[in-house]
Amino acid sequence: MSSTVIDYAGPARPARGWVRVMTATVFPPMTSEGRRPASAVRLSLAPAGSAPALLDGAWWPRSRDLAAELPALASVLDPLWGRITRVTVHPGEWPVVPRKVPVTGHVVKVGWFRFEQDPHELLLLSYHLGRWNLLVIPPETSPAAAAWLLAAAGDPRRTATASRLMADAAHLTATAEADGAGEAAWESEGGQETGGPAVPPRGDGNRPERV
């Protein structure tokens, strides 16, 4: 994926997604010392003016440490969606769910739902402005699969849930790996169909070799 600073336009809306679609690495704002944080936020968001969908984009954190990952995400989303005041997660995907996480300028309250919330989803609430849902891509996901998920979750034409997209990505990955294994077997056999007739060698007895 290419790295780019987030590109957005227009006033904040009390509805889902008003950011131009992207599949990119998004850098948090500059620090007070004029430097960017070392780790950029890997994030995709739905385009401006799109109809409300099940997902407003996707987030690819670098670890399952919510207290460490959430501040950088909030630093990007706060200027776009208004101050994020609360998030909820599925406890099965995060080993530790803190009650509160300090972010730049405020504190985000954290809750969790084991049955009511999709395991691969992050719900964000902004006081007086609305709610948003992001697909959370597991940190260990391959770059190719993550790129597909970032694009798919930010596509307003899709109506799949977070878990459905994860299942689709797993199927695509398995298919690609199977195709790759098949091509490797083909090459290892010299491009010969399994069980097919071998090319007869020269001098196979049908005619004498020239001396």
Protein backbone atom coordinates (compact mmCIF):
# COMPACT_ATOMS: atom_id res chain seq x y z
CA MET A 1 0.00 0.00 0.00
CA SER A 2 1.17 3.51 -0.66
CA SER A 3 1.48 6.03 2.14
CA THR A 4 -0.49 9.21 2.03
CA VAL A 5 -1.95 11.88 4.30
CA ILE A 6 -5.71 11.62 4.61
CA ASP A 7 -7.64 13.71 2.10
CA TYR A 8 -11.03 14.99 3.14
CA ALA A 9 -13.38 17.85 2.36
CA GLY A 10 -16.58 19.43 3.62
CA PRO A 11 -18.04 20.02 7.08
CA ALA A 12 -18.57 17.26 9.60
CA ARG A 13 -21.92 15.51 9.38
CA PRO A 14 -23.91 13.72 12.09
CA ALA A 15 -24.08 10.73 9.78
CA ARG A 16 -21.76 8.02 8.60
CA GLY A 17 -18.68 8.56 6.42
CA TRP A 18 -17.98 11.80 4.61
CA VAL A 19 -14.34 11.15 3.81
CA ARG A 20 -13.15 10.32 0.31
CA VAL A 21 -12.47 6.65 -0.14
CA MET A 22 -8.89 5.49 0.13
CA THR A 23 -6.82 2.43 0.74
CA ALA A 24 -3.84 4.01 2.34
CA THR A 25 -1.69 4.54 5.37
CA VAL A 26 -2.87 7.62 7.23
CA PHE A 27 -0.45 9.65 9.29
CA PRO A 28 -1.58 11.13 12.62
CA PRO A 29 -1.16 14.90 13.12
CA MET A 30 2.24 16.39 13.84
CA THR A 31 3.34 16.40 17.47
CA SER A 32 4.02 19.61 19.38
CA GLU A 33 7.70 19.17 18.49
CA GLY A 34 6.85 19.20 14.79
CA ARG A 35 7.42 15.49 14.25
CA ARG A 36 5.09 12.73 13.17
CA PRO A 37 4.66 9.60 15.32
CA ALA A 38 6.79 6.69 14.17
CA SER A 39 3.82 4.44 13.38
CA ALA A 40 1.22 5.60 10.90
CA VAL A 41 -2.44 4.63 11.20
CA ARG A 42 -3.54 2.09 8.59
CA LEU A 43 -7.08 3.12 7.86
CA SER A 44 -9.70 3.30 5.10
CA LEU A 45 -12.91 5.34 5.23
CA ALA A 46 -16.06 5.46 3.13
CA PRO A 47 -16.41 8.24 0.52
CA ALA A 48 -18.20 11.54 0.95
CA GLY A 49 -21.92 11.52 0.41
CA SER A 50 -22.30 7.75 0.41
CA ALA A 51 -25.43 6.19 1.86
CA PRO A 52 -25.16 4.71 5.35
CA ALA A 53 -23.83 1.17 5.27
CA LEU A 54 -22.98 -1.52 7.79
CA LEU A 55 -19.35 -0.39 7.81
CA ASP A 56 -17.75 3.03 7.53
CA GLY A 57 -14.28 1.73 6.74
CA ALA A 58 -11.53 -0.46 8.16
CA TRP A 59 -8.67 -0.18 10.61
CA TRP A 60 -5.55 -2.36 10.55
CA PRO A 61 -3.86 -2.01 13.97
CA ARG A 62 -0.29 -3.18 14.52
CA SER A 63 -1.05 -5.14 17.70
CA ARG A 64 -3.90 -6.34 19.91
CA ASP A 65 -2.96 -3.85 22.62
CA LEU A 66 -6.01 -1.58 22.58
CA ALA A 67 -4.52 0.92 25.04
CA ALA A 68 -1.51 1.35 22.77
CA GLU A 69 -3.39 1.39 19.45
CA LEU A 70 -6.44 3.54 20.19
CA PRO A 71 -4.70 6.92 20.80
CA ALA A 72 -3.26 7.08 17.26
CA LEU A 73 -6.63 6.14 15.74
CA ALA A 74 -8.44 8.79 17.78
CA SER A 75 -5.88 11.43 16.76
CA VAL A 76 -6.88 10.85 13.13
CA LEU A 77 -10.62 10.50 13.60
CA ASP A 78 -11.22 13.30 16.12
CA PRO A 79 -10.68 16.09 13.54
CA LEU A 80 -12.89 14.29 11.02
CA TRP A 81 -15.80 12.90 13.02
CA GLY A 82 -15.70 15.05 16.12
CA ARG A 83 -14.23 13.99 19.43
CA ILE A 84 -14.51 10.22 19.89
CA THR A 85 -15.90 9.76 23.40
CA ARG A 86 -16.60 6.03 23.59
CA VAL A 87 -15.77 2.82 21.75
CA THR A 88 -16.94 -0.75 22.11
CA VAL A 89 -15.14 -3.92 21.05
CA HIS A 90 -15.54 -7.69 21.14
CA PRO A 91 -13.44 -9.12 24.01
CA GLY A 92 -12.54 -12.19 22.00
CA GLU A 93 -10.29 -10.11 19.72
CA TRP A 94 -8.58 -8.00 22.42
CA PRO A 95 -6.77 -9.79 25.29
CA VAL A 96 -7.20 -6.78 27.60
CA VAL A 97 -10.10 -4.31 27.38
CA PRO A 98 -9.30 -1.23 29.48
CA ARG A 99 -12.18 0.80 30.88
CA LYS A 100 -10.64 4.08 29.73
CA VAL A 101 -7.85 5.04 27.30
CA PRO A 102 -6.16 8.45 27.46
CA VAL A 103 -5.85 10.05 24.02
CA THR A 104 -4.77 13.51 22.94
CA GLY A 105 -6.76 16.05 24.91
CA HIS A 106 -9.32 13.71 26.47
CA VAL A 107 -10.19 10.20 27.60
CA VAL A 108 -12.08 7.58 25.58
CA LYS A 109 -14.34 5.22 27.52
CA VAL A 110 -14.20 1.60 26.38
CA GLY A 111 -16.93 -1.01 26.59
CA TRP A 112 -17.43 -4.48 25.17
CA PHE A 113 -20.17 -6.79 23.94
CA ARG A 114 -19.62 -10.51 23.59
CA PHE A 115 -22.84 -11.44 21.77
CA GLU A 116 -24.31 -8.18 20.50
CA GLN A 117 -21.27 -7.02 18.54
CA ASP A 118 -19.52 -8.50 15.51
CA PRO A 119 -16.13 -9.90 16.67
CA HIS A 120 -14.29 -8.02 13.91
CA GLU A 121 -15.93 -4.66 14.45
CA LEU A 122 -15.06 -1.50 16.37
CA LEU A 123 -17.96 0.80 17.28
CA LEU A 124 -17.07 4.46 17.80
CA LEU A 125 -19.33 7.10 19.34
CA SER A 126 -18.89 10.86 19.07
CA TYR A 127 -20.88 13.01 21.47
CA HIS A 128 -23.75 14.78 19.62
CA LEU A 129 -22.35 13.76 16.20
CA GLY A 130 -23.13 10.10 15.68
CA ARG A 131 -21.69 6.60 15.56
CA TRP A 132 -19.44 4.76 13.16
CA ASN A 133 -18.46 1.15 12.63
CA LEU A 134 -15.02 0.04 11.47
CA LEU A 135 -13.85 -3.39 10.43
CA VAL A 136 -10.85 -4.33 12.57
CA ILE A 137 -8.32 -6.25 10.48
CA PRO A 138 -6.23 -8.61 12.65
CA PRO A 139 -2.64 -7.37 13.02
CA GLU A 140 -1.21 -10.63 11.64
CA THR A 141 -3.15 -10.38 8.38
CA SER A 142 -1.00 -10.54 5.25
CA PRO A 143 -0.49 -7.26 3.37
CA ALA A 144 -2.36 -8.57 0.32
CA ALA A 145 -5.41 -9.64 2.32
CA ALA A 146 -5.34 -6.45 4.38
CA ALA A 147 -5.24 -4.32 1.23
CA TRP A 148 -8.33 -6.12 -0.09
CA LEU A 149 -10.15 -5.69 3.24
CA LEU A 150 -9.28 -1.99 3.47
CA ALA A 151 -10.70 -1.41 0.02
CA ALA A 152 -13.77 -3.60 0.53
CA ALA A 153 -14.77 -2.04 3.86
CA GLY A 154 -14.49 1.46 2.39
CA ASP A 155 -16.60 0.60 -0.65
CA PRO A 156 -20.14 1.96 -0.14
CA ARG A 157 -21.54 -0.50 -2.67
CA ARG A 158 -20.86 -3.41 -0.35
CA THR A 159 -23.35 -4.46 2.30
CA ALA A 160 -21.38 -7.24 3.98
CA THR A 161 -20.76 -7.45 7.70
CA ALA A 162 -17.27 -7.36 9.17
CA SER A 163 -17.23 -11.12 9.72
CA ARG A 164 -18.50 -11.73 6.17
CA LEU A 165 -15.64 -9.68 4.73
CA MET A 166 -13.14 -11.57 6.87
CA ALA A 167 -14.56 -14.88 5.59
CA ASP A 168 -14.39 -13.63 1.99
CA ALA A 169 -10.77 -12.55 2.47
CA ALA A 170 -9.88 -15.96 3.93
CA HIS A 171 -11.51 -17.69 0.95
CA LEU A 172 -9.64 -15.48 -1.53
CA THR A 173 -6.36 -16.14 0.29
CA ALA A 174 -6.93 -19.89 0.30
CA THR A 175 -7.80 -19.84 -3.41
CA ALA A 176 -4.69 -17.83 -4.25
CA GLU A 177 -2.51 -20.20 -2.21
CA ALA A 178 -4.05 -23.24 -3.92
CA ASP A 179 -3.48 -21.69 -7.33
CA GLY A 180 0.10 -20.94 -6.37
CA ALA A 181 0.66 -24.51 -5.19
CA GLY A 182 -0.80 -25.82 -8.45
CA GLU A 183 1.49 -23.64 -10.52
CA ALA A 184 4.49 -24.77 -8.46
CA ALA A 185 3.58 -28.43 -9.01
CA TRP A 186 3.16 -27.79 -12.74
CA GLU A 187 6.59 -26.19 -12.95
CA SER A 188 8.23 -28.95 -10.88
CA GLU A 189 6.87 -31.50 -13.36
CA GLY A 190 8.24 -29.59 -16.30
CA GLY A 191 4.83 -28.36 -17.40
CA GLN A 192 3.62 -31.91 -17.99
CA GLU A 193 0.01 -32.87 -17.29
CA THR A 194 -0.25 -35.43 -14.50
CA GLY A 195 -0.75 -38.83 -16.08
CA GLY A 196 -0.30 -37.40 -19.57
CA PRO A 197 1.87 -38.98 -22.23
CA ALA A 198 5.55 -38.27 -21.98
CA VAL A 199 7.41 -36.77 -24.92
CA PRO A 200 9.28 -39.66 -26.55
CA PRO A 201 13.06 -39.25 -26.38
CA ARG A 202 15.19 -39.15 -29.46
CA GLY A 203 16.35 -42.54 -30.55
CA ASP A 204 13.27 -44.32 -29.18
CA GLY A 205 13.64 -47.22 -31.62
CA ASN A 206 11.26 -45.92 -34.27
CA ARG A 207 14.15 -44.82 -36.43
CA PRO A 208 17.90 -45.14 -36.10
CA GLU A 209 19.99 -42.29 -34.81
CA ARG A 210 22.33 -40.65 -37.30
CA VAL A 211 25.99 -41.31 -36.65
